[in-house]
């Protein structure tokens, strides 16, 4: 069973069928991970718990582009990653960095207090979660990340610190 089927079961919804012009989208933002494509092709835009966590549609990607948020533009361009965790201005000598110019926004909160990006590293993607001060790196596609987050298989401090996710979810589509 793939992650979309697992997400459908967990959220108690049936997948739909959405179609997007991926060629034009990838021309605007670069390569798009298959895990993000499967989320939006099956659910469209996804809003959990009244906007606490929102997966944007491809139109959202085109509007934001690469690292479009002022918080990231005004911060350091490169953040060093140490054991899956990065903090601006902290150095640990790992040689692994998050490059803000490689990040593409795909999810966040309606309040704007945290964001989720994907970063393309050669032919692999990783999810980068941030509250704009700290960074958490997950070496997985967006669909796997979303399922494991909602199923509480991984920790994500920007969300867990707010007491989310809960046992059930209010789901809206857009």
Foldseek 3Di string as FASTA:
>chain_A
DDLVVLVCVQQVHWWDADDDPVVVLCVQANDADVLLVVCCRGFNWKAKPNQQKIFHHSVVQNVCHQLNDPLQVPADQKWDDDPQKTFGPDDDPPPDIDGSRQWTWGMHGPVLQKTWTWGDDPPFIWIWIDSSGMIGIGRDHPSVVVSCQQVVVDDDVVAVVVVDDDSHIDMDGD
